[in-house]
PDB file of N, CA and C in Angstrom:
ATOM      1  N   UNK A   1       0.837  -1.189  -0.038  1.00  0.00           N
ATOM      2  CA  UNK A   1       0.034  -0.019  -0.010  1.00  0.00           C
ATOM      3  C   UNK A   1       0.819   1.256  -0.019  1.00  0.00           C
ATOM      4  N   UNK A   2       1.911   1.235   0.695  1.00  0.00           N
ATOM      5  CA  UNK A   2       2.878   2.364   0.751  1.00  0.00           C
ATOM      6  C   UNK A   2       3.412   2.761  -0.632  1.00  0.00           C
ATOM      7  N   UNK A   3       3.687   1.878  -1.493  1.00  0.00           N
ATOM      8  CA  UNK A   3       4.184   2.233  -2.822  1.00  0.00           C
ATOM      9  C   UNK A   3       3.078   2.783  -3.661  1.00  0.00           C
ATOM     10  N   UNK A   4       1.939   2.309  -3.576  1.00  0.00           N
ATOM     11  CA  UNK A   4       0.798   2.884  -4.315  1.00  0.00           C
ATOM     12  C   UNK A   4       0.532   4.339  -3.825  1.00  0.00           C
ATOM     13  N   UNK A   5       0.634   4.565  -2.522  1.00  0.00           N
ATOM     14  CA  UNK A   5       0.494   5.873  -1.990  1.00  0.00           C
ATOM     15  C   UNK A   5       1.618   6.910  -2.521  1.00  0.00           C
ATOM     16  N   UNK A   6       2.807   6.388  -2.538  1.00  0.00           N
ATOM     17  CA  UNK A   6       3.919   7.158  -3.075  1.00  0.00           C
ATOM     18  C   UNK A   6       3.675   7.359  -4.504  1.00  0.00           C
ATOM     19  N   UNK A   7       3.254   6.495  -5.338  1.00  0.00           N
ATOM     20  CA  UNK A   7       2.925   6.783  -6.787  1.00  0.00           C
ATOM     21  C   UNK A   7       1.876   7.799  -6.904  1.00  0.00           C
ATOM     22  N   UNK A   8       0.857   7.749  -6.117  1.00  0.00           N
ATOM     23  CA  UNK A   8      -0.260   8.740  -6.176  1.00  0.00           C
ATOM     24  C   UNK A   8       0.339  10.067  -5.815  1.00  0.00           C
ATOM     25  N   UNK A   9       1.095  10.219  -4.790  1.00  0.00           N
ATOM     26  CA  UNK A   9       1.621  11.439  -4.321  1.00  0.00           C
ATOM     27  C   UNK A   9       2.561  12.028  -5.430  1.00  0.00           C
ATOM     28  N   UNK A  10       3.341  11.110  -6.120  1.00  0.00           N
ATOM     29  CA  UNK A  10       4.252  11.587  -7.092  1.00  0.00           C
ATOM     30  C   UNK A  10       3.382  12.125  -8.274  1.00  0.00           C
ATOM     31  N   UNK A  11       2.355  11.445  -8.626  1.00  0.00           N
ATOM     32  CA  UNK A  11       1.478  11.883  -9.861  1.00  0.00           C
ATOM     33  C   UNK A  11       0.783  13.236  -9.441  1.00  0.00           C
ATOM     34  N   UNK A  12       0.366  13.304  -8.231  1.00  0.00           N
ATOM     35  CA  UNK A  12      -0.229  14.605  -7.844  1.00  0.00           C
ATOM     36  C   UNK A  12       0.820  15.768  -7.865  1.00  0.00           C
ATOM     37  N   UNK A  13       2.048  15.507  -7.423  1.00  0.00           N
ATOM     38  CA  UNK A  13       3.103  16.507  -7.449  1.00  0.00           C
ATOM     39  C   UNK A  13       3.447  17.004  -8.870  1.00  0.00           C
ATOM     40  N   UNK A  14       3.515  16.003  -9.767  1.00  0.00           N
ATOM     41  CA  UNK A  14       3.673  16.269 -11.242  1.00  0.00           C
ATOM     42  C   UNK A  14       2.534  17.259 -11.793  1.00  0.00           C
ATOM     43  N   UNK A  15       1.321  16.776 -11.530  1.00  0.00           N
ATOM     44  CA  UNK A  15       0.286  17.535 -11.959  1.00  0.00           C
ATOM     45  C   UNK A  15       0.184  18.881 -11.392  1.00  0.00           C
ATOM     46  N   UNK A  16       0.403  19.011 -10.087  1.00  0.00           N
ATOM     47  CA  UNK A  16       0.424  20.297  -9.377  1.00  0.00           C
ATOM     48  C   UNK A  16       1.372  21.252  -9.936  1.00  0.00           C
ATOM     49  N   UNK A  17       2.589  20.738 -10.286  1.00  0.00           N
ATOM     50  CA  UNK A  17       3.715  21.574 -10.773  1.00  0.00           C
ATOM     51  C   UNK A  17       3.331  22.097 -12.100  1.00  0.00           C
ATOM     52  N   UNK A  18       2.741  21.340 -12.954  1.00  0.00           N
ATOM     53  CA  UNK A  18       2.326  21.805 -14.275  1.00  0.00           C
ATOM     54  C   UNK A  18       1.229  22.840 -14.222  1.00  0.00           C
ATOM     55  N   UNK A  19       0.212  22.721 -13.278  1.00  0.00           N
ATOM     56  CA  UNK A  19      -0.789  23.588 -13.101  1.00  0.00           C
ATOM     57  C   UNK A  19      -0.223  24.995 -12.575  1.00  0.00           C
ATOM     58  N   UNK A  20       0.599  24.872 -11.690  1.00  0.00           N
ATOM     59  CA  UNK A  20       1.233  26.018 -11.079  1.00  0.00           C
ATOM     60  C   UNK A  20       2.071  26.840 -12.108  1.00  0.00           C
ATOM     61  N   UNK A  21       2.742  26.187 -12.888  1.00  0.00           N
ATOM     62  CA  UNK A  21       3.619  26.768 -13.949  1.00  0.00           C
ATOM     63  C   UNK A  21       2.814  27.566 -14.842  1.00  0.00           C
ATOM     64  N   UNK A  22       1.650  27.179 -15.305  1.00  0.00           N
ATOM     65  CA  UNK A  22       0.798  28.032 -16.282  1.00  0.00           C
ATOM     66  C   UNK A  22       0.140  29.036 -15.478  1.00  0.00           C
ATOM     67  N   UNK A  23      -0.306  28.765 -14.195  1.00  0.00           N
ATOM     68  CA  UNK A  23      -1.126  29.666 -13.555  1.00  0.00           C
ATOM     69  C   UNK A  23      -0.394  30.883 -13.020  1.00  0.00           C
ATOM     70  N   UNK A  24       0.916  30.745 -12.646  1.00  0.00           N
ATOM     71  CA  UNK A  24       1.707  31.708 -12.137  1.00  0.00           C
ATOM     72  C   UNK A  24       1.845  33.015 -13.084  1.00  0.00           C
ATOM     73  N   UNK A  25       2.063  32.676 -14.412  1.00  0.00           N
ATOM     74  CA  UNK A  25       2.142  33.767 -15.285  1.00  0.00           C
ATOM     75  C   UNK A  25       0.914  34.557 -15.396  1.00  0.00           C
ATOM     76  N   UNK A  26      -0.245  33.857 -15.426  1.00  0.00           N
ATOM     77  CA  UNK A  26      -1.433  34.585 -15.495  1.00  0.00           C
ATOM     78  C   UNK A  26      -1.655  35.338 -14.203  1.00  0.00           C
ATOM     79  N   UNK A  27      -1.327  34.741 -13.105  1.00  0.00           N
ATOM     80  CA  UNK A  27      -1.504  35.487 -11.796  1.00  0.00           C
ATOM     81  C   UNK A  27      -0.690  36.729 -11.728  1.00  0.00           C
ATOM     82  N   UNK A  28       0.569  36.598 -12.110  1.00  0.00           N
ATOM     83  CA  UNK A  28       1.457  37.880 -12.197  1.00  0.00           C
ATOM     84  C   UNK A  28       0.868  38.957 -13.033  1.00  0.00           C
ATOM     85  N   UNK A  29       0.421  38.508 -14.229  1.00  0.00           N
ATOM     86  CA  UNK A  29      -0.246  39.659 -15.130  1.00  0.00           C
ATOM     87  C   UNK A  29      -1.484  40.190 -14.525  1.00  0.00           C
ATOM     88  N   UNK A  30      -2.286  39.225 -13.771  1.00  0.00           N
ATOM     89  CA  UNK A  30      -3.439  39.764 -13.213  1.00  0.00           C
ATOM     90  C   UNK A  30      -3.167  40.755 -12.038  1.00  0.00           C
ATOM     91  N   UNK A  31      -2.120  40.514 -11.299  1.00  0.00           N
ATOM     92  CA  UNK A  31      -1.767  41.300 -10.132  1.00  0.00           C
ATOM     93  C   UNK A  31      -1.292  42.683 -10.641  1.00  0.00           C
ATOM     94  N   UNK A  32      -0.682  42.705 -11.873  1.00  0.00           N
ATOM     95  CA  UNK A  32      -0.143  43.931 -12.436  1.00  0.00           C
ATOM     96  C   UNK A  32      -1.149  44.663 -13.368  1.00  0.00           C
ATOM     97  N   UNK A  33      -2.285  44.085 -13.423  1.00  0.00           N
ATOM     98  CA  UNK A  33      -3.285  44.609 -14.381  1.00  0.00           C
ATOM     99  C   UNK A  33      -3.542  46.105 -14.104  1.00  0.00           C
ATOM    100  N   UNK A  34      -3.784  46.461 -12.874  1.00  0.00           N
ATOM    101  CA  UNK A  34      -4.232  47.938 -12.560  1.00  0.00           C
ATOM    102  C   UNK A  34      -3.056  48.727 -11.956  1.00  0.00           C
ATOM    103  N   UNK A  35      -2.180  48.010 -11.217  1.00  0.00           N
ATOM    104  CA  UNK A  35      -1.171  48.727 -10.397  1.00  0.00           C
ATOM    105  C   UNK A  35       0.231  48.145 -10.652  1.00  0.00           C
ATOM    106  N   UNK A  36       1.282  48.904 -10.747  1.00  0.00           N
ATOM    107  CA  UNK A  36       2.583  48.380 -10.870  1.00  0.00           C
ATOM    108  C   UNK A  36       3.043  47.873  -9.420  1.00  0.00           C
ATOM    109  N   UNK A  37       4.035  47.007  -9.427  1.00  0.00           N
ATOM    110  CA  UNK A  37       4.494  46.358  -8.175  1.00  0.00           C
ATOM    111  C   UNK A  37       5.905  45.908  -8.493  1.00  0.00           C
ATOM    112  N   UNK A  38       6.708  45.779  -7.369  1.00  0.00           N
ATOM    113  CA  UNK A  38       7.979  45.113  -7.440  1.00  0.00           C
ATOM    114  C   UNK A  38       7.848  43.717  -6.980  1.00  0.00           C
ATOM    115  N   UNK A  39       8.858  42.899  -7.207  1.00  0.00           N
ATOM    116  CA  UNK A  39       8.858  41.473  -7.079  1.00  0.00           C
ATOM    117  C   UNK A  39       8.417  40.973  -5.728  1.00  0.00           C
ATOM    118  N   UNK A  40       9.024  41.524  -4.618  1.00  0.00           N
ATOM    119  CA  UNK A  40       8.630  41.103  -3.339  1.00  0.00           C
ATOM    120  C   UNK A  40       7.231  41.335  -2.992  1.00  0.00           C
ATOM    121  N   UNK A  41       6.687  42.468  -3.399  1.00  0.00           N
ATOM    122  CA  UNK A  41       5.456  42.927  -3.256  1.00  0.00           C
ATOM    123  C   UNK A  41       4.420  41.925  -3.910  1.00  0.00           C
ATOM    124  N   UNK A  42       4.709  41.420  -5.052  1.00  0.00           N
ATOM    125  CA  UNK A  42       3.958  40.427  -5.750  1.00  0.00           C
ATOM    126  C   UNK A  42       3.908  39.081  -4.941  1.00  0.00           C
ATOM    127  N   UNK A  43       5.099  38.738  -4.468  1.00  0.00           N
ATOM    128  CA  UNK A  43       5.110  37.484  -3.762  1.00  0.00           C
ATOM    129  C   UNK A  43       4.271  37.570  -2.523  1.00  0.00           C
ATOM    130  N   UNK A  44       4.272  38.622  -1.761  1.00  0.00           N
ATOM    131  CA  UNK A  44       3.450  38.849  -0.578  1.00  0.00           C
ATOM    132  C   UNK A  44       1.925  38.787  -0.928  1.00  0.00           C
ATOM    133  N   UNK A  45       1.485  39.458  -2.097  1.00  0.00           N
ATOM    134  CA  UNK A  45       0.185  39.311  -2.496  1.00  0.00           C
ATOM    135  C   UNK A  45      -0.270  37.975  -2.821  1.00  0.00           C
ATOM    136  N   UNK A  46       0.653  37.193  -3.501  1.00  0.00           N
ATOM    137  CA  UNK A  46       0.225  35.955  -3.892  1.00  0.00           C
ATOM    138  C   UNK A  46       0.152  35.005  -2.639  1.00  0.00           C
ATOM    139  N   UNK A  47       1.065  35.190  -1.745  1.00  0.00           N
ATOM    140  CA  UNK A  47       0.972  34.336  -0.442  1.00  0.00           C
ATOM    141  C   UNK A  47      -0.360  34.629   0.371  1.00  0.00           C
ATOM    142  N   UNK A  48      -0.804  35.950   0.308  1.00  0.00           N
ATOM    143  CA  UNK A  48      -2.044  36.166   0.940  1.00  0.00           C
ATOM    144  C   UNK A  48      -3.233  35.647   0.337  1.00  0.00           C
ATOM    145  N   UNK A  49      -3.198  35.513  -0.955  1.00  0.00           N
ATOM    146  CA  UNK A  49      -4.494  35.222  -1.680  1.00  0.00           C
ATOM    147  C   UNK A  49      -4.564  33.801  -2.233  1.00  0.00           C
ATOM    148  N   UNK A  50      -3.458  33.105  -2.515  1.00  0.00           N
ATOM    149  CA  UNK A  50      -3.557  31.837  -3.130  1.00  0.00           C
ATOM    150  C   UNK A  50      -2.659  30.862  -2.469  1.00  0.00           C
ATOM    151  N   UNK A  51      -3.264  29.882  -1.803  1.00  0.00           N
ATOM    152  CA  UNK A  51      -2.552  28.873  -1.022  1.00  0.00           C
ATOM    153  C   UNK A  51      -1.968  27.748  -1.871  1.00  0.00           C
ATOM    154  N   UNK A  52      -2.720  27.404  -2.940  1.00  0.00           N
ATOM    155  CA  UNK A  52      -2.381  26.271  -3.774  1.00  0.00           C
ATOM    156  C   UNK A  52      -1.017  26.575  -4.520  1.00  0.00           C
ATOM    157  N   UNK A  53      -0.843  27.873  -5.002  1.00  0.00           N
ATOM    158  CA  UNK A  53       0.339  28.167  -5.674  1.00  0.00           C
ATOM    159  C   UNK A  53       1.563  28.525  -4.887  1.00  0.00           C
ATOM    160  N   UNK A  54       1.615  27.979  -3.689  1.00  0.00           N
ATOM    161  CA  UNK A  54       2.773  28.209  -2.796  1.00  0.00           C
ATOM    162  C   UNK A  54       4.059  27.825  -3.578  1.00  0.00           C
ATOM    163  N   UNK A  55       5.035  28.667  -3.548  1.00  0.00           N
ATOM    164  CA  UNK A  55       6.221  28.498  -4.369  1.00  0.00           C
ATOM    165  C   UNK A  55       7.450  29.174  -3.693  1.00  0.00           C
ATOM    166  N   UNK A  56       8.577  28.826  -4.195  1.00  0.00           N
ATOM    167  CA  UNK A  56       9.821  29.476  -3.599  1.00  0.00           C
ATOM    168  C   UNK A  56       9.855  30.949  -4.043  1.00  0.00           C
ATOM    169  N   UNK A  57      10.359  31.807  -3.104  1.00  0.00           N
ATOM    170  CA  UNK A  57      10.393  33.290  -3.441  1.00  0.00           C
ATOM    171  C   UNK A  57      11.187  33.594  -4.745  1.00  0.00           C
ATOM    172  N   UNK A  58      12.257  32.754  -5.018  1.00  0.00           N
ATOM    173  CA  UNK A  58      13.017  32.998  -6.116  1.00  0.00           C
ATOM    174  C   UNK A  58      12.356  32.578  -7.511  1.00  0.00           C
ATOM    175  N   UNK A  59      11.202  32.034  -7.474  1.00  0.00           N
ATOM    176  CA  UNK A  59      10.447  31.618  -8.571  1.00  0.00           C
ATOM    177  C   UNK A  59       9.888  32.930  -9.346  1.00  0.00           C
ATOM    178  N   UNK A  60       9.597  33.878  -8.583  1.00  0.00           N
ATOM    179  CA  UNK A  60       8.960  35.083  -9.209  1.00  0.00           C
ATOM    180  C   UNK A  60       9.785  35.826 -10.215  1.00  0.00           C
ATOM    181  N   UNK A  61      11.111  35.955  -9.847  1.00  0.00           N
ATOM    182  CA  UNK A  61      12.034  36.773 -10.596  1.00  0.00           C
ATOM    183  C   UNK A  61      12.209  36.292 -12.028  1.00  0.00           C
ATOM    184  N   UNK A  62      12.487  34.915 -12.204  1.00  0.00           N
ATOM    185  CA  UNK A  62      12.571  34.405 -13.683  1.00  0.00           C
ATOM    186  C   UNK A  62      11.356  34.547 -14.373  1.00  0.00           C
ATOM    187  N   UNK A  63      10.077  34.481 -13.702  1.00  0.00           N
ATOM    188  CA  UNK A  63       8.840  34.782 -14.440  1.00  0.00           C
ATOM    189  C   UNK A  63       8.682  36.187 -14.847  1.00  0.00           C
ATOM    190  N   UNK A  64       9.060  37.220 -13.965  1.00  0.00           N
ATOM    191  CA  UNK A  64       9.078  38.544 -14.277  1.00  0.00           C
ATOM    192  C   UNK A  64      10.047  38.818 -15.434  1.00  0.00           C
ATOM    193  N   UNK A  65      11.215  38.263 -15.468  1.00  0.00           N
ATOM    194  CA  UNK A  65      12.187  38.446 -16.519  1.00  0.00           C
ATOM    195  C   UNK A  65      11.670  37.933 -17.924  1.00  0.00           C
ATOM    196  N   UNK A  66      11.114  36.796 -17.794  1.00  0.00           N
ATOM    197  CA  UNK A  66      10.531  36.217 -18.998  1.00  0.00           C
ATOM    198  C   UNK A  66       9.380  36.934 -19.462  1.00  0.00           C
ATOM    199  N   UNK A  67       8.514  37.381 -18.773  1.00  0.00           N
ATOM    200  CA  UNK A  67       7.338  38.237 -19.232  1.00  0.00           C
ATOM    201  C   UNK A  67       7.778  39.599 -19.762  1.00  0.00           C
ATOM    202  N   UNK A  68       8.810  40.145 -19.137  1.00  0.00           N
ATOM    203  CA  UNK A  68       9.401  41.381 -19.578  1.00  0.00           C
ATOM    204  C   UNK A  68      10.032  41.191 -20.952  1.00  0.00           C
ATOM    205  N   UNK A  69      10.815  40.127 -21.072  1.00  0.00           N
ATOM    206  CA  UNK A  69      11.482  39.810 -22.312  1.00  0.00           C
ATOM    207  C   UNK A  69      10.517  39.565 -23.458  1.00  0.00           C
ATOM    208  N   UNK A  70       9.317  39.110 -23.129  1.00  0.00           N
ATOM    209  CA  UNK A  70       8.264  38.839 -24.126  1.00  0.00           C
ATOM    210  C   UNK A  70       7.456  40.068 -24.394  1.00  0.00           C
ATOM    211  N   UNK A  71       7.835  41.156 -23.751  1.00  0.00           N
ATOM    212  CA  UNK A  71       7.212  42.476 -23.894  1.00  0.00           C
ATOM    213  C   UNK A  71       5.815  42.505 -23.398  1.00  0.00           C
ATOM    214  N   UNK A  72       5.502  41.661 -22.314  1.00  0.00           N
ATOM    215  CA  UNK A  72       4.182  41.755 -21.731  1.00  0.00           C
ATOM    216  C   UNK A  72       4.210  42.539 -20.458  1.00  0.00           C
ATOM    217  N   UNK A  73       5.419  42.842 -19.979  1.00  0.00           N
ATOM    218  CA  UNK A  73       5.712  43.780 -18.845  1.00  0.00           C
ATOM    219  C   UNK A  73       6.765  44.760 -19.283  1.00  0.00           C
ATOM    220  N   UNK A  74       6.595  45.941 -18.636  1.00  0.00           N
ATOM    221  CA  UNK A  74       7.633  46.924 -18.722  1.00  0.00           C
ATOM    222  C   UNK A  74       8.179  47.110 -17.299  1.00  0.00           C
ATOM    223  N   UNK A  75       9.303  47.798 -17.115  1.00  0.00           N
ATOM    224  CA  UNK A  75       9.785  47.951 -15.802  1.00  0.00           C
ATOM    225  C   UNK A  75      10.516  49.301 -15.685  1.00  0.00           C
ATOM    226  N   UNK A  76      10.557  49.814 -14.429  1.00  0.00           N
ATOM    227  CA  UNK A  76      11.484  50.988 -14.162  1.00  0.00           C
ATOM    228  C   UNK A  76      11.881  50.918 -12.670  1.00  0.00           C
ATOM    229  N   UNK A  77      13.001  51.465 -12.435  1.00  0.00           N
ATOM    230  CA  UNK A  77      13.571  51.469 -11.023  1.00  0.00           C
ATOM    231  C   UNK A  77      13.139  52.605 -10.276  1.00  0.00           C
ATOM    232  N   UNK A  78      12.895  52.454  -8.925  1.00  0.00           N
ATOM    233  CA  UNK A  78      12.595  53.548  -8.010  1.00  0.00           C
ATOM    234  C   UNK A  78      13.692  53.541  -7.045  1.00  0.00           C
ATOM    235  N   UNK A  79      14.235  54.748  -6.879  1.00  0.00           N
ATOM    236  CA  UNK A  79      15.404  55.073  -5.987  1.00  0.00           C
ATOM    237  C   UNK A  79      14.959  55.771  -4.671  1.00  0.00           C
ATOM    238  N   UNK A  80      13.692  55.749  -4.284  1.00  0.00           N
ATOM    239  CA  UNK A  80      13.180  56.403  -3.173  1.00  0.00           C
ATOM    240  C   UNK A  80      14.019  56.115  -1.953  1.00  0.00           C
ATOM    241  N   UNK A  81      14.232  54.838  -1.754  1.00  0.00           N
ATOM    242  CA  UNK A  81      15.129  54.377  -0.691  1.00  0.00           C
ATOM    243  C   UNK A  81      16.470  54.085  -1.441  1.00  0.00           C
ATOM    244  N   UNK A  82      17.497  54.953  -1.233  1.00  0.00           N
ATOM    245  CA  UNK A  82      18.628  54.844  -1.961  1.00  0.00           C
ATOM    246  C   UNK A  82      19.529  53.508  -1.659  1.00  0.00           C
ATOM    247  N   UNK A  83      19.295  52.962  -0.489  1.00  0.00           N
ATOM    248  CA  UNK A  83      19.956  51.790  -0.057  1.00  0.00           C
ATOM    249  C   UNK A  83      19.258  50.561  -0.668  1.00  0.00           C
ATOM    250  N   UNK A  84      17.996  50.672  -1.115  1.00  0.00           N
ATOM    251  CA  UNK A  84      17.223  49.562  -1.579  1.00  0.00           C
ATOM    252  C   UNK A  84      16.430  49.944  -2.818  1.00  0.00           C
ATOM    253  N   UNK A  85      17.115  50.057  -3.955  1.00  0.00           N
ATOM    254  CA  UNK A  85      16.226  50.463  -5.215  1.00  0.00           C
ATOM    255  C   UNK A  85      15.368  49.247  -5.490  1.00  0.00           C
ATOM    256  N   UNK A  86      14.130  49.605  -6.056  1.00  0.00           N
ATOM    257  CA  UNK A  86      13.134  48.618  -6.279  1.00  0.00           C
ATOM    258  C   UNK A  86      12.785  48.735  -7.761  1.00  0.00           C
ATOM    259  N   UNK A  87      12.725  47.596  -8.464  1.00  0.00           N
ATOM    260  CA  UNK A  87      12.286  47.426  -9.851  1.00  0.00           C
ATOM    261  C   UNK A  87      10.772  47.238  -9.857  1.00  0.00           C
ATOM    262  N   UNK A  88       9.986  48.220 -10.370  1.00  0.00           N
ATOM    263  CA  UNK A  88       8.625  48.136 -10.489  1.00  0.00           C
ATOM    264  C   UNK A  88       8.251  47.669 -11.867  1.00  0.00           C
ATOM    265  N   UNK A  89       7.239  46.744 -11.940  1.00  0.00           N
ATOM    266  CA  UNK A  89       6.725  46.102 -13.197  1.00  0.00           C
ATOM    267  C   UNK A  89       5.446  46.521 -13.429  1.00  0.00           C
ATOM    268  N   UNK A  90       5.052  46.818 -14.731  1.00  0.00           N
ATOM    269  CA  UNK A  90       3.751  47.264 -15.091  1.00  0.00           C
ATOM    270  C   UNK A  90       3.370  46.420 -16.396  1.00  0.00           C
ATOM    271  N   UNK A  91       2.122  46.201 -16.528  1.00  0.00           N
ATOM    272  CA  UNK A  91       1.555  45.557 -17.784  1.00  0.00           C
ATOM    273  C   UNK A  91       1.681  46.365 -18.987  1.00  0.00           C
ATOM    274  N   UNK A  92       2.038  45.836 -20.089  1.00  0.00           N
ATOM    275  CA  UNK A  92       2.126  46.673 -21.336  1.00  0.00           C
ATOM    276  C   UNK A  92       0.773  46.379 -22.102  1.00  0.00           C
ATOM    277  N   UNK A  93       0.480  47.136 -23.107  1.00  0.00           N
ATOM    278  CA  UNK A  93      -0.746  46.781 -23.840  1.00  0.00           C
ATOM    279  C   UNK A  93      -0.836  45.366 -24.369  1.00  0.00           C
ATOM    280  N   UNK A  94       0.285  44.900 -24.780  1.00  0.00           N
ATOM    281  CA  UNK A  94       0.359  43.460 -25.247  1.00  0.00           C
ATOM    282  C   UNK A  94       0.156  42.492 -24.027  1.00  0.00           C
ATOM    283  N   UNK A  95       0.612  42.854 -22.973  1.00  0.00           N
ATOM    284  CA  UNK A  95       0.323  42.132 -21.645  1.00  0.00           C
ATOM    285  C   UNK A  95      -1.155  42.125 -21.298  1.00  0.00           C
ATOM    286  N   UNK A  96      -1.808  43.277 -21.554  1.00  0.00           N
ATOM    287  CA  UNK A  96      -3.203  43.266 -21.305  1.00  0.00           C
ATOM    288  C   UNK A  96      -3.997  42.333 -22.256  1.00  0.00           C
ATOM    289  N   UNK A  97      -3.564  42.408 -23.453  1.00  0.00           N
ATOM    290  CA  UNK A  97      -4.293  41.520 -24.350  1.00  0.00           C
ATOM    291  C   UNK A  97      -4.048  40.057 -24.087  1.00  0.00           C
ATOM    292  N   UNK A  98      -2.817  39.672 -23.729  1.00  0.00           N
ATOM    293  CA  UNK A  98      -2.503  38.296 -23.384  1.00  0.00           C
ATOM    294  C   UNK A  98      -3.353  37.972 -22.152  1.00  0.00           C
ATOM    295  N   UNK A  99      -3.286  38.784 -21.204  1.00  0.00           N
ATOM    296  CA  UNK A  99      -4.076  38.481 -19.943  1.00  0.00           C
ATOM    297  C   UNK A  99      -5.598  38.225 -20.218  1.00  0.00           C
ATOM    298  N   UNK A 100      -6.079  39.128 -21.026  1.00  0.00           N
ATOM    299  CA  UNK A 100      -7.532  38.917 -21.412  1.00  0.00           C
ATOM    300  C   UNK A 100      -7.751  37.483 -22.104  1.00  0.00           C
ATOM    301  N   UNK A 101      -6.832  37.133 -23.041  1.00  0.00           N
ATOM    302  CA  UNK A 101      -7.013  35.778 -23.624  1.00  0.00           C
ATOM    303  C   UNK A 101      -6.802  34.602 -22.635  1.00  0.00           C
ATOM    304  N   UNK A 102      -5.881  34.849 -21.688  1.00  0.00           N
ATOM    305  CA  UNK A 102      -5.571  33.799 -20.670  1.00  0.00           C
ATOM    306  C   UNK A 102      -6.808  33.669 -19.715  1.00  0.00           C
ATOM    307  N   UNK A 103      -7.319  34.751 -19.315  1.00  0.00           N
ATOM    308  CA  UNK A 103      -8.576  34.796 -18.469  1.00  0.00           C
ATOM    309  C   UNK A 103      -9.664  34.046 -18.974  1.00  0.00           C
ATOM    310  N   UNK A 104      -9.939  34.476 -20.300  1.00  0.00           N
ATOM    311  CA  UNK A 104     -11.113  33.814 -21.062  1.00  0.00           C
ATOM    312  C   UNK A 104     -10.829  32.350 -21.161  1.00  0.00           C
ATOM    313  N   UNK A 105      -9.695  31.870 -21.591  1.00  0.00           N
ATOM    314  CA  UNK A 105      -9.379  30.531 -21.763  1.00  0.00           C
ATOM    315  C   UNK A 105      -9.460  29.707 -20.379  1.00  0.00           C
ATOM    316  N   UNK A 106      -8.968  30.382 -19.326  1.00  0.00           N
ATOM    317  CA  UNK A 106      -8.996  29.776 -18.026  1.00  0.00           C
ATOM    318  C   UNK A 106     -10.420  29.556 -17.484  1.00  0.00           C
ATOM    319  N   UNK A 107     -11.240  30.577 -17.735  1.00  0.00           N
ATOM    320  CA  UNK A 107     -12.621  30.465 -17.305  1.00  0.00           C
ATOM    321  C   UNK A 107     -13.355  29.488 -18.175  1.00  0.00           C
ATOM    322  N   UNK A 108     -13.175  29.335 -19.353  1.00  0.00           N
ATOM    323  CA  UNK A 108     -13.728  28.346 -20.167  1.00  0.00           C
ATOM    324  C   UNK A 108     -13.270  26.870 -19.749  1.00  0.00           C
ATOM    325  N   UNK A 109     -12.014  26.755 -19.531  1.00  0.00           N
ATOM    326  CA  UNK A 109     -11.408  25.524 -19.138  1.00  0.00           C
ATOM    327  C   UNK A 109     -11.931  25.033 -17.798  1.00  0.00           C
ATOM    328  N   UNK A 110     -12.028  25.907 -16.741  1.00  0.00           N
ATOM    329  CA  UNK A 110     -12.465  25.600 -15.473  1.00  0.00           C
ATOM    330  C   UNK A 110     -14.001  25.229 -15.487  1.00  0.00           C
ATOM    331  N   UNK A 111     -14.792  25.952 -16.331  1.00  0.00           N
ATOM    332  CA  UNK A 111     -16.242  25.643 -16.385  1.00  0.00           C
ATOM    333  C   UNK A 111     -16.400  24.297 -17.031  1.00  0.00           C
ATOM    334  N   UNK A 112     -15.642  23.939 -18.116  1.00  0.00           N
ATOM    335  CA  UNK A 112     -15.811  22.678 -18.796  1.00  0.00           C
ATOM    336  C   UNK A 112     -15.355  21.558 -17.832  1.00  0.00           C
ATOM    337  N   UNK A 113     -14.207  21.711 -17.221  1.00  0.00           N
ATOM    338  CA  UNK A 113     -13.716  20.663 -16.386  1.00  0.00           C
ATOM    339  C   UNK A 113     -14.731  20.507 -15.142  1.00  0.00           C
ATOM    340  N   UNK A 114     -15.233  21.541 -14.604  1.00  0.00           N
ATOM    341  CA  UNK A 114     -16.254  21.511 -13.630  1.00  0.00           C
ATOM    342  C   UNK A 114     -17.414  20.632 -14.047  1.00  0.00           C
ATOM    343  N   UNK A 115     -17.875  20.862 -15.261  1.00  0.00           N
ATOM    344  CA  UNK A 115     -19.061  20.114 -15.742  1.00  0.00           C
ATOM    345  C   UNK A 115     -18.736  18.609 -15.878  1.00  0.00           C
ATOM    346  N   UNK A 116     -17.508  18.330 -16.304  1.00  0.00           N
ATOM    347  CA  UNK A 116     -17.212  16.965 -16.382  1.00  0.00           C
ATOM    348  C   UNK A 116     -17.042  16.232 -15.066  1.00  0.00           C
ATOM    349  N   UNK A 117     -16.471  16.910 -14.084  1.00  0.00           N
ATOM    350  CA  UNK A 117     -16.466  16.492 -12.785  1.00  0.00           C
ATOM    351  C   UNK A 117     -17.738  16.287 -12.136  1.00  0.00           C
ATOM    352  N   UNK A 118     -18.704  17.237 -12.290  1.00  0.00           N
ATOM    353  CA  UNK A 118     -20.075  17.091 -11.838  1.00  0.00           C
ATOM    354  C   UNK A 118     -20.807  15.825 -12.448  1.00  0.00           C
ATOM    355  N   UNK A 119     -20.633  15.665 -13.760  1.00  0.00           N
ATOM    356  CA  UNK A 119     -21.242  14.460 -14.476  1.00  0.00           C
ATOM    357  C   UNK A 119     -20.631  13.204 -13.941  1.00  0.00           C
ATOM    358  N   UNK A 120     -19.324  13.221 -13.689  1.00  0.00           N
ATOM    359  CA  UNK A 120     -18.772  11.914 -13.176  1.00  0.00           C
ATOM    360  C   UNK A 120     -19.274  11.663 -11.793  1.00  0.00           C
ATOM    361  N   UNK A 121     -19.391  12.699 -10.969  1.00  0.00           N
ATOM    362  CA  UNK A 121     -19.872  12.495  -9.591  1.00  0.00           C
ATOM    363  C   UNK A 121     -21.308  11.988  -9.587  1.00  0.00           C
ATOM    364  N   UNK A 122     -22.170  12.443 -10.511  1.00  0.00           N
ATOM    365  CA  UNK A 122     -23.545  12.023 -10.528  1.00  0.00           C
ATOM    366  C   UNK A 122     -23.721  10.613 -10.904  1.00  0.00           C
ATOM    367  N   UNK A 123     -22.649   9.905 -11.471  1.00  0.00           N
ATOM    368  CA  UNK A 123     -22.822   8.523 -11.799  1.00  0.00           C
ATOM    369  C   UNK A 123     -22.594   7.677 -10.569  1.00  0.00           C
ATOM    370  N   UNK A 124     -22.014   8.136  -9.594  1.00  0.00           N
ATOM    371  CA  UNK A 124     -21.658   7.390  -8.315  1.00  0.00           C
ATOM    372  C   UNK A 124     -22.902   7.093  -7.538  1.00  0.00           C
TER     373      UNK A 124
END
């Protein structure tokens, strides 16, 4: 039984990792949709609102760099505190368009999956 449980746990971990990978980009874009923010601020907002997407703090910075490289985000430095400059990220117009597409696709996907799960539950 222990080996079956381990296999189940491993499969859940693989699935969870894949879901998180795709959802984190959408979440970052969503958090930056109306207000700019710096990396640590985004991490704190995510930790407050989304328990399933728990991740290492260092995960956010590669995502921010990747989204900026793809021109979905722009950035600028703030030197208000000269000892700790902060890089603020904002959504670009292209980022807004991509976010809109992601949100629509996510909504459709979750609705369709929900229907399938409900149908499967009704057979029991």
